[in-house]
Amino acid sequence: KESLKKVKVYKTGFSVNTIKNCLGKTGKIPSEYAKQWIDKMTATIESSNLGEAGDDTYFKGYNGYFRSTNPEGEKIVQFALALGNDKTGTVYLCVFESPEAEWKNTWPIGTTIADNLALETEF
């Protein structure tokens, strides 16, 4: 939503982080690492609507909603999605986040992105 040209961070946005060779880097297969990542967030941040995600053919994962405070003291909401592809050894950590005060207006954009997310099954 915000231009990243000046500040290099966003208040509202969607990020995808990828870990290739997850087993070699973390000691866990991607689906296990995906669960561990969501479990760690759940243990440290207020969470709700936790669930399983993926298609069980290529991706197995977990998701949930999280509320926290950013470094500026502003309340934020995050939708986090962690998907592991055990066949390729890759895990995808996806987060849509927005200030809590704007969540009602921004989540329709976030859910459209998350619902239409296409990941390469062979990567």
PDB file of N, CA and C in Angstrom:
ATOM      1  N   LYS A   1       0.828  -1.196   0.000  1.00  0.00           N
ATOM      2  CA  LYS A   1       0.000   0.000   0.000  1.00  0.00           C
ATOM      3  C   LYS A   1       0.867   1.252   0.000  1.00  0.00           C
ATOM      4  N   GLU A   2       1.923   1.276   0.796  1.00  0.00           N
ATOM      5  CA  GLU A   2       2.805   2.439   0.851  1.00  0.00           C
ATOM      6  C   GLU A   2       3.958   2.267  -0.144  1.00  0.00           C
ATOM      7  N   SER A   3       4.498   3.369  -0.600  1.00  0.00           N
ATOM      8  CA  SER A   3       5.657   3.319  -1.484  1.00  0.00           C
ATOM      9  C   SER A   3       6.881   2.897  -0.680  1.00  0.00           C
ATOM     10  N   LEU A   4       7.602   1.917  -1.193  1.00  0.00           N
ATOM     11  CA  LEU A   4       8.808   1.444  -0.519  1.00  0.00           C
ATOM     12  C   LEU A   4      10.057   2.171  -0.998  1.00  0.00           C
ATOM     13  N   LYS A   5       9.908   3.107  -1.907  1.00  0.00           N
ATOM     14  CA  LYS A   5      11.063   3.826  -2.444  1.00  0.00           C
ATOM     15  C   LYS A   5      11.743   4.683  -1.398  1.00  0.00           C
ATOM     16  N   LYS A   6      10.965   5.236  -0.470  1.00  0.00           N
ATOM     17  CA  LYS A   6      11.538   6.145   0.521  1.00  0.00           C
ATOM     18  C   LYS A   6      11.897   5.455   1.828  1.00  0.00           C
ATOM     19  N   VAL A   7      10.978   4.669   2.386  1.00  0.00           N
ATOM     20  CA  VAL A   7      11.192   4.140   3.728  1.00  0.00           C
ATOM     21  C   VAL A   7      11.621   2.671   3.787  1.00  0.00           C
ATOM     22  N   LYS A   8      11.453   1.908   2.748  1.00  0.00           N
ATOM     23  CA  LYS A   8      11.874   0.511   2.653  1.00  0.00           C
ATOM     24  C   LYS A   8      11.121  -0.434   3.579  1.00  0.00           C
ATOM     25  N   VAL A   9      10.063   0.046   4.212  1.00  0.00           N
ATOM     26  CA  VAL A   9       9.192  -0.800   5.025  1.00  0.00           C
ATOM     27  C   VAL A   9       7.750  -0.433   4.712  1.00  0.00           C
ATOM     28  N   TYR A  10       6.852  -1.328   5.042  1.00  0.00           N
ATOM     29  CA  TYR A  10       5.448  -1.027   4.805  1.00  0.00           C
ATOM     30  C   TYR A  10       4.643  -1.206   6.077  1.00  0.00           C
ATOM     31  N   LYS A  11       3.515  -0.523   6.139  1.00  0.00           N
ATOM     32  CA  LYS A  11       2.556  -0.733   7.218  1.00  0.00           C
ATOM     33  C   LYS A  11       1.516  -1.749   6.764  1.00  0.00           C
ATOM     34  N   THR A  12       1.138  -1.688   5.498  1.00  0.00           N
ATOM     35  CA  THR A  12       0.194  -2.639   4.921  1.00  0.00           C
ATOM     36  C   THR A  12       0.877  -3.284   3.730  1.00  0.00           C
ATOM     37  N   GLY A  13       0.952  -4.607   3.744  1.00  0.00           N
ATOM     38  CA  GLY A  13       1.597  -5.278   2.627  1.00  0.00           C
ATOM     39  C   GLY A  13       1.593  -6.782   2.779  1.00  0.00           C
ATOM     40  N   PHE A  14       2.052  -7.447   1.750  1.00  0.00           N
ATOM     41  CA  PHE A  14       2.122  -8.909   1.696  1.00  0.00           C
ATOM     42  C   PHE A  14       3.551  -9.302   1.362  1.00  0.00           C
ATOM     43  N   SER A  15       4.123 -10.183   2.156  1.00  0.00           N
ATOM     44  CA  SER A  15       5.487 -10.636   1.879  1.00  0.00           C
ATOM     45  C   SER A  15       5.518 -12.157   1.785  1.00  0.00           C
ATOM     46  N   VAL A  16       6.419 -12.648   0.963  1.00  0.00           N
ATOM     47  CA  VAL A  16       6.654 -14.086   0.832  1.00  0.00           C
ATOM     48  C   VAL A  16       8.148 -14.307   1.000  1.00  0.00           C
ATOM     49  N   ASN A  17       8.505 -15.107   1.990  1.00  0.00           N
ATOM     50  CA  ASN A  17       9.895 -15.474   2.214  1.00  0.00           C
ATOM     51  C   ASN A  17      10.038 -16.963   1.938  1.00  0.00           C
ATOM     52  N   THR A  18      11.097 -17.325   1.248  1.00  0.00           N
ATOM     53  CA  THR A  18      11.308 -18.699   0.821  1.00  0.00           C
ATOM     54  C   THR A  18      12.594 -19.243   1.427  1.00  0.00           C
ATOM     55  N   ILE A  19      12.517 -20.481   1.926  1.00  0.00           N
ATOM     56  CA  ILE A  19      13.712 -21.172   2.414  1.00  0.00           C
ATOM     57  C   ILE A  19      13.861 -22.440   1.588  1.00  0.00           C
ATOM     58  N   LYS A  20      14.869 -22.440   0.730  1.00  0.00           N
ATOM     59  CA  LYS A  20      15.201 -23.652  -0.029  1.00  0.00           C
ATOM     60  C   LYS A  20      16.119 -24.512   0.832  1.00  0.00           C
ATOM     61  N   ASN A  21      16.110 -25.821   0.594  1.00  0.00           N
ATOM     62  CA  ASN A  21      16.894 -26.769   1.381  1.00  0.00           C
ATOM     63  C   ASN A  21      16.598 -26.579   2.875  1.00  0.00           C
ATOM     64  N   CYS A  22      15.326 -26.570   3.174  1.00  0.00           N
ATOM     65  CA  CYS A  22      14.884 -26.334   4.553  1.00  0.00           C
ATOM     66  C   CYS A  22      15.509 -27.332   5.533  1.00  0.00           C
ATOM     67  N   LEU A  23      15.541 -28.591   5.170  1.00  0.00           N
ATOM     68  CA  LEU A  23      16.110 -29.608   6.056  1.00  0.00           C
ATOM     69  C   LEU A  23      17.571 -29.309   6.373  1.00  0.00           C
ATOM     70  N   GLY A  24      18.335 -28.950   5.364  1.00  0.00           N
ATOM     71  CA  GLY A  24      19.746 -28.647   5.575  1.00  0.00           C
ATOM     72  C   GLY A  24      19.974 -27.383   6.391  1.00  0.00           C
ATOM     73  N   LYS A  25      19.077 -26.411   6.257  1.00  0.00           N
ATOM     74  CA  LYS A  25      19.251 -25.136   6.959  1.00  0.00           C
ATOM     75  C   LYS A  25      18.624 -25.111   8.344  1.00  0.00           C
ATOM     76  N   THR A  26      17.552 -25.893   8.546  1.00  0.00           N
ATOM     77  CA  THR A  26      16.832 -25.817   9.822  1.00  0.00           C
ATOM     78  C   THR A  26      16.803 -27.131  10.593  1.00  0.00           C
ATOM     79  N   GLY A  27      17.154 -28.220   9.904  1.00  0.00           N
ATOM     80  CA  GLY A  27      17.076 -29.529  10.545  1.00  0.00           C
ATOM     81  C   GLY A  27      15.676 -30.125  10.526  1.00  0.00           C
ATOM     82  N   LYS A  28      14.759 -29.478   9.837  1.00  0.00           N
ATOM     83  CA  LYS A  28      13.368 -29.951   9.772  1.00  0.00           C
ATOM     84  C   LYS A  28      12.906 -30.003   8.320  1.00  0.00           C
ATOM     85  N   ILE A  29      12.036 -30.979   8.013  1.00  0.00           N
ATOM     86  CA  ILE A  29      11.443 -30.991   6.679  1.00  0.00           C
ATOM     87  C   ILE A  29      10.485 -29.799   6.586  1.00  0.00           C
ATOM     88  N   PRO A  30      10.208 -29.310   5.380  1.00  0.00           N
ATOM     89  CA  PRO A  30       9.410 -28.088   5.229  1.00  0.00           C
ATOM     90  C   PRO A  30       8.067 -28.082   5.960  1.00  0.00           C
ATOM     91  N   SER A  31       7.300 -29.169   5.891  1.00  0.00           N
ATOM     92  CA  SER A  31       5.996 -29.166   6.560  1.00  0.00           C
ATOM     93  C   SER A  31       6.146 -29.070   8.079  1.00  0.00           C
ATOM     94  N   GLU A  32       7.178 -29.690   8.631  1.00  0.00           N
ATOM     95  CA  GLU A  32       7.427 -29.585  10.076  1.00  0.00           C
ATOM     96  C   GLU A  32       7.871 -28.169  10.440  1.00  0.00           C
ATOM     97  N   TYR A  33       8.723 -27.575   9.612  1.00  0.00           N
ATOM     98  CA  TYR A  33       9.179 -26.209   9.878  1.00  0.00           C
ATOM     99  C   TYR A  33       8.009 -25.227   9.796  1.00  0.00           C
ATOM    100  N   ALA A  34       7.101 -25.441   8.822  1.00  0.00           N
ATOM    101  CA  ALA A  34       5.924 -24.580   8.696  1.00  0.00           C
ATOM    102  C   ALA A  34       5.094 -24.618   9.974  1.00  0.00           C
ATOM    103  N   LYS A  35       4.884 -25.821  10.506  1.00  0.00           N
ATOM    104  CA  LYS A  35       4.123 -25.945  11.758  1.00  0.00           C
ATOM    105  C   LYS A  35       4.867 -25.290  12.909  1.00  0.00           C
ATOM    106  N   GLN A  36       6.167 -25.513  12.991  1.00  0.00           N
ATOM    107  CA  GLN A  36       6.964 -24.908  14.068  1.00  0.00           C
ATOM    108  C   GLN A  36       6.898 -23.382  14.011  1.00  0.00           C
ATOM    109  N   TRP A  37       6.946 -22.820  12.807  1.00  0.00           N
ATOM    110  CA  TRP A  37       6.913 -21.359  12.643  1.00  0.00           C
ATOM    111  C   TRP A  37       5.598 -20.787  13.148  1.00  0.00           C
ATOM    112  N   ILE A  38       4.465 -21.415  12.756  1.00  0.00           N
ATOM    113  CA  ILE A  38       3.155 -20.954  13.224  1.00  0.00           C
ATOM    114  C   ILE A  38       3.023 -21.195  14.725  1.00  0.00           C
ATOM    115  N   ASP A  39       3.491 -22.344  15.214  1.00  0.00           N
ATOM    116  CA  ASP A  39       3.422 -22.632  16.652  1.00  0.00           C
ATOM    117  C   ASP A  39       4.199 -21.602  17.468  1.00  0.00           C
ATOM    118  N   LYS A  40       5.366 -21.190  16.970  1.00  0.00           N
ATOM    119  CA  LYS A  40       6.166 -20.188  17.680  1.00  0.00           C
ATOM    120  C   LYS A  40       5.431 -18.851  17.721  1.00  0.00           C
ATOM    121  N   MET A  41       4.813 -18.471  16.601  1.00  0.00           N
ATOM    122  CA  MET A  41       4.038 -17.233  16.591  1.00  0.00           C
ATOM    123  C   MET A  41       2.879 -17.333  17.579  1.00  0.00           C
ATOM    124  N   THR A  42       2.226 -18.482  17.605  1.00  0.00           N
ATOM    125  CA  THR A  42       1.090 -18.688  18.498  1.00  0.00           C
ATOM    126  C   THR A  42       1.516 -18.585  19.961  1.00  0.00           C
ATOM    127  N   ALA A  43       2.706 -19.061  20.268  1.00  0.00           N
ATOM    128  CA  ALA A  43       3.190 -19.044  21.648  1.00  0.00           C
ATOM    129  C   ALA A  43       3.619 -17.657  22.111  1.00  0.00           C
ATOM    130  N   THR A  44       3.942 -16.772  21.163  1.00  0.00           N
ATOM    131  CA  THR A  44       4.490 -15.471  21.547  1.00  0.00           C
ATOM    132  C   THR A  44       3.609 -14.276  21.206  1.00  0.00           C
ATOM    133  N   ILE A  45       2.579 -14.486  20.383  1.00  0.00           N
ATOM    134  CA  ILE A  45       1.727 -13.393  19.914  1.00  0.00           C
ATOM    135  C   ILE A  45       0.272 -13.812  20.062  1.00  0.00           C
ATOM    136  N   GLU A  46      -0.612 -12.873  20.387  1.00  0.00           N
ATOM    137  CA  GLU A  46      -2.044 -13.169  20.454  1.00  0.00           C
ATOM    138  C   GLU A  46      -2.495 -13.712  19.103  1.00  0.00           C
ATOM    139  N   SER A  47      -3.184 -14.855  19.122  1.00  0.00           N
ATOM    140  CA  SER A  47      -3.548 -15.498  17.860  1.00  0.00           C
ATOM    141  C   SER A  47      -5.004 -15.941  17.868  1.00  0.00           C
ATOM    142  N   SER A  48      -5.534 -16.198  16.672  1.00  0.00           N
ATOM    143  CA  SER A  48      -6.890 -16.701  16.523  1.00  0.00           C
ATOM    144  C   SER A  48      -7.043 -17.402  15.183  1.00  0.00           C
ATOM    145  N   ASN A  49      -8.109 -18.164  15.059  1.00  0.00           N
ATOM    146  CA  ASN A  49      -8.469 -18.842  13.811  1.00  0.00           C
ATOM    147  C   ASN A  49      -7.304 -19.617  13.213  1.00  0.00           C
ATOM    148  N   LEU A  50      -6.630 -20.391  14.029  1.00  0.00           N
ATOM    149  CA  LEU A  50      -5.530 -21.206  13.532  1.00  0.00           C
ATOM    150  C   LEU A  50      -6.094 -22.372  12.729  1.00  0.00           C
ATOM    151  N   GLY A  51      -5.376 -22.753  11.684  1.00  0.00           N
ATOM    152  CA  GLY A  51      -5.859 -23.858  10.877  1.00  0.00           C
ATOM    153  C   GLY A  51      -4.781 -24.465  10.022  1.00  0.00           C
ATOM    154  N   GLU A  52      -5.162 -25.528   9.345  1.00  0.00           N
ATOM    155  CA  GLU A  52      -4.261 -26.169   8.401  1.00  0.00           C
ATOM    156  C   GLU A  52      -4.510 -25.601   7.018  1.00  0.00           C
ATOM    157  N   ALA A  53      -3.476 -25.644   6.188  1.00  0.00           N
ATOM    158  CA  ALA A  53      -3.565 -25.099   4.839  1.00  0.00           C
ATOM    159  C   ALA A  53      -2.824 -26.024   3.891  1.00  0.00           C
ATOM    160  N   GLY A  54      -2.969 -25.759   2.625  1.00  0.00           N
ATOM    161  CA  GLY A  54      -2.254 -26.534   1.618  1.00  0.00           C
ATOM    162  C   GLY A  54      -3.189 -27.466   0.882  1.00  0.00           C
ATOM    163  N   ASP A  55      -2.610 -28.191  -0.057  1.00  0.00           N
ATOM    164  CA  ASP A  55      -3.410 -29.072  -0.893  1.00  0.00           C
ATOM    165  C   ASP A  55      -3.091 -30.546  -0.666  1.00  0.00           C
ATOM    166  N   ASP A  56      -2.178 -30.858   0.230  1.00  0.00           N
ATOM    167  CA  ASP A  56      -1.755 -32.226   0.562  1.00  0.00           C
ATOM    168  C   ASP A  56      -1.141 -32.978  -0.619  1.00  0.00           C
ATOM    169  N   THR A  57      -1.074 -32.362  -1.791  1.00  0.00           N
ATOM    170  CA  THR A  57      -0.373 -32.969  -2.914  1.00  0.00           C
ATOM    171  C   THR A  57       1.033 -32.405  -2.981  1.00  0.00           C
ATOM    172  N   TYR A  58       1.137 -31.085  -2.960  1.00  0.00           N
ATOM    173  CA  TYR A  58       2.428 -30.423  -3.016  1.00  0.00           C
ATOM    174  C   TYR A  58       2.764 -29.708  -1.717  1.00  0.00           C
ATOM    175  N   PHE A  59       1.764 -29.071  -1.110  1.00  0.00           N
ATOM    176  CA  PHE A  59       2.016 -28.210   0.035  1.00  0.00           C
ATOM    177  C   PHE A  59       1.223 -28.663   1.255  1.00  0.00           C
ATOM    178  N   LYS A  60       1.898 -28.642   2.393  1.00  0.00           N
ATOM    179  CA  LYS A  60       1.225 -28.852   3.666  1.00  0.00           C
ATOM    180  C   LYS A  60       1.587 -27.668   4.537  1.00  0.00           C
ATOM    181  N   GLY A  61       0.591 -27.092   5.182  1.00  0.00           N
ATOM    182  CA  GLY A  61       0.919 -25.917   5.965  1.00  0.00           C
ATOM    183  C   GLY A  61      -0.109 -25.557   7.001  1.00  0.00           C
ATOM    184  N   TYR A  62       0.102 -24.376   7.540  1.00  0.00           N
ATOM    185  CA  TYR A  62      -0.681 -23.893   8.666  1.00  0.00           C
ATOM    186  C   TYR A  62      -0.843 -22.389   8.534  1.00  0.00           C
ATOM    187  N   ASN A  63      -1.914 -21.857   9.144  1.00  0.00           N
ATOM    188  CA  ASN A  63      -2.125 -20.419   9.077  1.00  0.00           C
ATOM    189  C   ASN A  63      -2.847 -19.922  10.323  1.00  0.00           C
ATOM    190  N   GLY A  64      -2.929 -18.618  10.434  1.00  0.00           N
ATOM    191  CA  GLY A  64      -3.645 -18.016  11.543  1.00  0.00           C
ATOM    192  C   GLY A  64      -3.563 -16.504  11.480  1.00  0.00           C
ATOM    193  N   TYR A  65      -4.300 -15.879  12.369  1.00  0.00           N
ATOM    194  CA  TYR A  65      -4.308 -14.420  12.503  1.00  0.00           C
ATOM    195  C   TYR A  65      -3.596 -14.064  13.804  1.00  0.00           C
ATOM    196  N   PHE A  66      -2.821 -13.005  13.761  1.00  0.00           N
ATOM    197  CA  PHE A  66      -2.009 -12.615  14.914  1.00  0.00           C
ATOM    198  C   PHE A  66      -2.124 -11.116  15.142  1.00  0.00           C
ATOM    199  N   ARG A  67      -2.197 -10.734  16.423  1.00  0.00           N
ATOM    200  CA  ARG A  67      -2.234  -9.314  16.803  1.00  0.00           C
ATOM    201  C   ARG A  67      -1.008  -9.024  17.645  1.00  0.00           C
ATOM    202  N   SER A  68      -0.367  -7.902  17.337  1.00  0.00           N
ATOM    203  CA  SER A  68       0.808  -7.498  18.113  1.00  0.00           C
ATOM    204  C   SER A  68       0.975  -5.984  17.989  1.00  0.00           C
ATOM    205  N   THR A  69       2.078  -5.511  18.511  1.00  0.00           N
ATOM    206  CA  THR A  69       2.401  -4.093  18.455  1.00  0.00           C
ATOM    207  C   THR A  69       3.711  -3.938  17.706  1.00  0.00           C
ATOM    208  N   ASN A  70       3.752  -3.022  16.720  1.00  0.00           N
ATOM    209  CA  ASN A  70       4.993  -2.809  15.972  1.00  0.00           C
ATOM    210  C   ASN A  70       5.953  -1.937  16.788  1.00  0.00           C
ATOM    211  N   PRO A  71       7.193  -1.758  16.330  1.00  0.00           N
ATOM    212  CA  PRO A  71       8.167  -0.961  17.090  1.00  0.00           C
ATOM    213  C   PRO A  71       7.735   0.479  17.371  1.00  0.00           C
ATOM    214  N   GLU A  72       6.813   1.002  16.560  1.00  0.00           N
ATOM    215  CA  GLU A  72       6.319   2.368  16.773  1.00  0.00           C
ATOM    216  C   GLU A  72       5.178   2.408  17.785  1.00  0.00           C
ATOM    217  N   GLY A  73       4.790   1.251  18.337  1.00  0.00           N
ATOM    218  CA  GLY A  73       3.723   1.197  19.320  1.00  0.00           C
ATOM    219  C   GLY A  73       2.326   1.082  18.736  1.00  0.00           C
ATOM    220  N   GLU A  74       2.240   0.861  17.430  1.00  0.00           N
ATOM    221  CA  GLU A  74       0.952   0.761  16.747  1.00  0.00           C
ATOM    222  C   GLU A  74       0.484  -0.699  16.736  1.00  0.00           C
ATOM    223  N   LYS A  75      -0.783  -0.923  17.040  1.00  0.00           N
ATOM    224  CA  LYS A  75      -1.352  -2.272  16.988  1.00  0.00           C
ATOM    225  C   LYS A  75      -1.471  -2.711  15.534  1.00  0.00           C
ATOM    226  N   ILE A  76      -1.024  -3.934  15.265  1.00  0.00           N
ATOM    227  CA  ILE A  76      -1.100  -4.475  13.909  1.00  0.00           C
ATOM    228  C   ILE A  76      -1.769  -5.846  13.936  1.00  0.00           C
ATOM    229  N   VAL A  77      -2.320  -6.220  12.800  1.00  0.00           N
ATOM    230  CA  VAL A  77      -2.889  -7.545  12.608  1.00  0.00           C
ATOM    231  C   VAL A  77      -2.132  -8.190  11.453  1.00  0.00           C
ATOM    232  N   GLN A  78      -1.847  -9.470  11.617  1.00  0.00           N
ATOM    233  CA  GLN A  78      -1.156 -10.222  10.567  1.00  0.00           C
ATOM    234  C   GLN A  78      -1.939 -11.486  10.260  1.00  0.00           C
ATOM    235  N   PHE A  79      -2.020 -11.823   8.992  1.00  0.00           N
ATOM    236  CA  PHE A  79      -2.441 -13.152   8.571  1.00  0.00           C
ATOM    237  C   PHE A  79      -1.163 -13.841   8.126  1.00  0.00           C
ATOM    238  N   ALA A  80      -0.833 -14.936   8.782  1.00  0.00           N
ATOM    239  CA  ALA A  80       0.391 -15.661   8.453  1.00  0.00           C
ATOM    240  C   ALA A  80       0.042 -17.027   7.883  1.00  0.00           C
ATOM    241  N   LEU A  81       0.755 -17.393   6.834  1.00  0.00           N
ATOM    242  CA  LEU A  81       0.570 -18.659   6.142  1.00  0.00           C
ATOM    243  C   LEU A  81       1.943 -19.278   5.925  1.00  0.00           C
ATOM    244  N   ALA A  82       2.124 -20.489   6.429  1.00  0.00           N
ATOM    245  CA  ALA A  82       3.387 -21.204   6.250  1.00  0.00           C
ATOM    246  C   ALA A  82       3.096 -22.492   5.486  1.00  0.00           C
ATOM    247  N   LEU A  83       3.730 -22.653   4.327  1.00  0.00           N
ATOM    248  CA  LEU A  83       3.512 -23.816   3.469  1.00  0.00           C
ATOM    249  C   LEU A  83       4.819 -24.527   3.199  1.00  0.00           C
ATOM    250  N   GLY A  84       4.836 -25.829   3.414  1.00  0.00           N
ATOM    251  CA  GLY A  84       6.025 -26.623   3.136  1.00  0.00           C
ATOM    252  C   GLY A  84       5.796 -27.550   1.966  1.00  0.00           C
ATOM    253  N   ASN A  85       6.793 -27.633   1.089  1.00  0.00           N
ATOM    254  CA  ASN A  85       6.778 -28.590  -0.008  1.00  0.00           C
ATOM    255  C   ASN A  85       7.869 -29.606   0.302  1.00  0.00           C
ATOM    256  N   ASP A  86       7.470 -30.727   0.889  1.00  0.00           N
ATOM    257  CA  ASP A  86       8.444 -31.734   1.311  1.00  0.00           C
ATOM    258  C   ASP A  86       9.144 -32.400   0.128  1.00  0.00           C
ATOM    259  N   LYS A  87       8.512 -32.407  -1.026  1.00  0.00           N
ATOM    260  CA  LYS A  87       9.115 -33.003  -2.222  1.00  0.00           C
ATOM    261  C   LYS A  87      10.327 -32.198  -2.693  1.00  0.00           C
ATOM    262  N   THR A  88      10.207 -30.874  -2.676  1.00  0.00           N
ATOM    263  CA  THR A  88      11.300 -30.024  -3.168  1.00  0.00           C
ATOM    264  C   THR A  88      12.195 -29.500  -2.058  1.00  0.00           C
ATOM    265  N   GLY A  89      11.750 -29.637  -0.800  1.00  0.00           N
ATOM    266  CA  GLY A  89      12.554 -29.154   0.319  1.00  0.00           C
ATOM    267  C   GLY A  89      12.428 -27.662   0.578  1.00  0.00           C
ATOM    268  N   THR A  90      11.351 -27.046   0.063  1.00  0.00           N
ATOM    269  CA  THR A  90      11.181 -25.600   0.174  1.00  0.00           C
ATOM    270  C   THR A  90      10.019 -25.266   1.108  1.00  0.00           C
ATOM    271  N   VAL A  91      10.201 -24.222   1.901  1.00  0.00           N
ATOM    272  CA  VAL A  91       9.116 -23.710   2.738  1.00  0.00           C
ATOM    273  C   VAL A  91       8.860 -22.261   2.357  1.00  0.00           C
ATOM    274  N   TYR A  92       7.598 -21.876   2.369  1.00  0.00           N
ATOM    275  CA  TYR A  92       7.170 -20.519   2.042  1.00  0.00           C
ATOM    276  C   TYR A  92       6.503 -19.913   3.274  1.00  0.00           C
ATOM    277  N   LEU A  93       6.976 -18.766   3.691  1.00  0.00           N
ATOM    278  CA  LEU A  93       6.428 -18.053   4.838  1.00  0.00           C
ATOM    279  C   LEU A  93       5.804 -16.770   4.316  1.00  0.00           C
ATOM    280  N   CYS A  94       4.481 -16.706   4.361  1.00  0.00           N
ATOM    281  CA  CYS A  94       3.729 -15.606   3.768  1.00  0.00           C
ATOM    282  C   CYS A  94       3.013 -14.824   4.869  1.00  0.00           C
ATOM    283  N   VAL A  95       3.080 -13.499   4.796  1.00  0.00           N
ATOM    284  CA  VAL A  95       2.431 -12.660   5.799  1.00  0.00           C
ATOM    285  C   VAL A  95       1.785 -11.456   5.127  1.00  0.00           C
ATOM    286  N   PHE A  96       0.507 -11.254   5.441  1.00  0.00           N
ATOM    287  CA  PHE A  96      -0.162 -10.001   5.109  1.00  0.00           C
ATOM    288  C   PHE A  96      -0.348  -9.271   6.420  1.00  0.00           C
ATOM    289  N   GLU A  97       0.053  -8.009   6.458  1.00  0.00           N
ATOM    290  CA  GLU A  97      -0.079  -7.253   7.705  1.00  0.00           C
ATOM    291  C   GLU A  97      -0.570  -5.851   7.436  1.00  0.00           C
ATOM    292  N   SER A  98      -1.273  -5.314   8.437  1.00  0.00           N
ATOM    293  CA  SER A  98      -1.830  -3.977   8.333  1.00  0.00           C
ATOM    294  C   SER A  98      -2.108  -3.449   9.736  1.00  0.00           C
ATOM    295  N   PRO A  99      -2.098  -2.129   9.915  1.00  0.00           N
ATOM    296  CA  PRO A  99      -2.490  -1.586  11.218  1.00  0.00           C
ATOM    297  C   PRO A  99      -3.904  -2.057  11.573  1.00  0.00           C
ATOM    298  N   GLU A 100      -4.110  -2.357  12.840  1.00  0.00           N
ATOM    299  CA  GLU A 100      -5.411  -2.851  13.285  1.00  0.00           C
ATOM    300  C   GLU A 100      -6.535  -1.879  12.920  1.00  0.00           C
ATOM    301  N   ALA A 101      -6.274  -0.589  13.016  1.00  0.00           N
ATOM    302  CA  ALA A 101      -7.287   0.419  12.711  1.00  0.00           C
ATOM    303  C   ALA A 101      -7.712   0.389  11.238  1.00  0.00           C
ATOM    304  N   GLU A 102      -6.869  -0.164  10.365  1.00  0.00           N
ATOM    305  CA  GLU A 102      -7.168  -0.219   8.931  1.00  0.00           C
ATOM    306  C   GLU A 102      -7.561  -1.613   8.452  1.00  0.00           C
ATOM    307  N   TRP A 103      -7.504  -2.598   9.355  1.00  0.00           N
ATOM    308  CA  TRP A 103      -7.676  -4.002   8.968  1.00  0.00           C
ATOM    309  C   TRP A 103      -8.988  -4.245   8.226  1.00  0.00           C
ATOM    310  N   LYS A 104     -10.084  -3.698   8.686  1.00  0.00           N
ATOM    311  CA  LYS A 104     -11.380  -3.934   8.055  1.00  0.00           C
ATOM    312  C   LYS A 104     -11.359  -3.537   6.576  1.00  0.00           C
ATOM    313  N   ASN A 105     -10.633  -2.485   6.243  1.00  0.00           N
ATOM    314  CA  ASN A 105     -10.563  -2.018   4.859  1.00  0.00           C
ATOM    315  C   ASN A 105      -9.474  -2.699   4.044  1.00  0.00           C
ATOM    316  N   THR A 106      -8.416  -3.165   4.695  1.00  0.00           N
ATOM    317  CA  THR A 106      -7.292  -3.745   3.947  1.00  0.00           C
ATOM    318  C   THR A 106      -7.382  -5.267   3.800  1.00  0.00           C
ATOM    319  N   TRP A 107      -8.061  -5.950   4.735  1.00  0.00           N
ATOM    320  CA  TRP A 107      -8.101  -7.410   4.648  1.00  0.00           C
ATOM    321  C   TRP A 107      -8.770  -7.920   3.367  1.00  0.00           C
ATOM    322  N   PRO A 108      -9.789  -7.255   2.801  1.00  0.00           N
ATOM    323  CA  PRO A 108     -10.302  -7.738   1.516  1.00  0.00           C
ATOM    324  C   PRO A 108      -9.219  -7.810   0.429  1.00  0.00           C
ATOM    325  N   ILE A 109      -8.256  -6.906   0.470  1.00  0.00           N
ATOM    326  CA  ILE A 109      -7.124  -6.964  -0.469  1.00  0.00           C
ATOM    327  C   ILE A 109      -6.226  -8.141  -0.107  1.00  0.00           C
ATOM    328  N   GLY A 110      -5.921  -8.283   1.174  1.00  0.00           N
ATOM    329  CA  GLY A 110      -5.054  -9.377   1.631  1.00  0.00           C
ATOM    330  C   GLY A 110      -5.635 -10.742   1.336  1.00  0.00           C
ATOM    331  N   THR A 111      -6.920 -10.913   1.574  1.00  0.00           N
ATOM    332  CA  THR A 111      -7.527 -12.218   1.317  1.00  0.00           C
ATOM    333  C   THR A 111      -7.562 -12.532  -0.178  1.00  0.00           C
ATOM    334  N   THR A 112      -7.715 -11.516  -1.006  1.00  0.00           N
ATOM    335  CA  THR A 112      -7.664 -11.732  -2.456  1.00  0.00           C
ATOM    336  C   THR A 112      -6.281 -12.224  -2.862  1.00  0.00           C
ATOM    337  N   ILE A 113      -5.250 -11.620  -2.303  1.00  0.00           N
ATOM    338  CA  ILE A 113      -3.882 -12.066  -2.607  1.00  0.00           C
ATOM    339  C   ILE A 113      -3.680 -13.491  -2.117  1.00  0.00           C
ATOM    340  N   ALA A 114      -4.026 -13.751  -0.849  1.00  0.00           N
ATOM    341  CA  ALA A 114      -3.804 -15.084  -0.266  1.00  0.00           C
ATOM    342  C   ALA A 114      -4.612 -16.157  -1.004  1.00  0.00           C
ATOM    343  N   ASP A 115      -5.855 -15.854  -1.356  1.00  0.00           N
ATOM    344  CA  ASP A 115      -6.702 -16.835  -2.039  1.00  0.00           C
ATOM    345  C   ASP A 115      -6.229 -17.134  -3.456  1.00  0.00           C
ATOM    346  N   ASN A 116      -5.484 -16.222  -4.057  1.00  0.00           N
ATOM    347  CA  ASN A 116      -5.017 -16.412  -5.425  1.00  0.00           C
ATOM    348  C   ASN A 116      -3.512 -16.644  -5.516  1.00  0.00           C
ATOM    349  N   LEU A 117      -2.883 -16.895  -4.391  1.00  0.00           N
ATOM    350  CA  LEU A 117      -1.447 -17.130  -4.347  1.00  0.00           C
ATOM    351  C   LEU A 117      -1.100 -18.383  -5.128  1.00  0.00           C
ATOM    352  N   ALA A 118      -0.188 -18.260  -6.054  1.00  0.00           N
ATOM    353  CA  ALA A 118       0.249 -19.404  -6.862  1.00  0.00           C
ATOM    354  C   ALA A 118       1.733 -19.609  -6.634  1.00  0.00           C
ATOM    355  N   LEU A 119       2.083 -20.775  -6.144  1.00  0.00           N
ATOM    356  CA  LEU A 119       3.488 -21.103  -5.879  1.00  0.00           C
ATOM    357  C   LEU A 119       3.928 -22.216  -6.823  1.00  0.00           C
ATOM    358  N   GLU A 120       5.167 -22.134  -7.234  1.00  0.00           N
ATOM    359  CA  GLU A 120       5.725 -23.122  -8.141  1.00  0.00           C
ATOM    360  C   GLU A 120       5.873 -24.456  -7.393  1.00  0.00           C
ATOM    361  N   THR A 121       5.289 -25.502  -7.918  1.00  0.00           N
ATOM    362  CA  THR A 121       5.300 -26.797  -7.244  1.00  0.00           C
ATOM    363  C   THR A 121       6.625 -27.538  -7.390  1.00  0.00           C
ATOM    364  N   GLU A 122       7.476 -27.127  -8.316  1.00  0.00           N
ATOM    365  CA  GLU A 122       8.746 -27.794  -8.541  1.00  0.00           C
ATOM    366  C   GLU A 122       9.942 -27.017  -8.005  1.00  0.00           C
ATOM    367  N   PHE A 123       9.713 -25.896  -7.334  1.00  0.00           N
ATOM    368  CA  PHE A 123      10.795 -25.037  -6.833  1.00  0.00           C
ATOM    369  C   PHE A 123      11.164 -25.440  -5.434  1.00  0.00           C
TER     370      PHE A 123
END
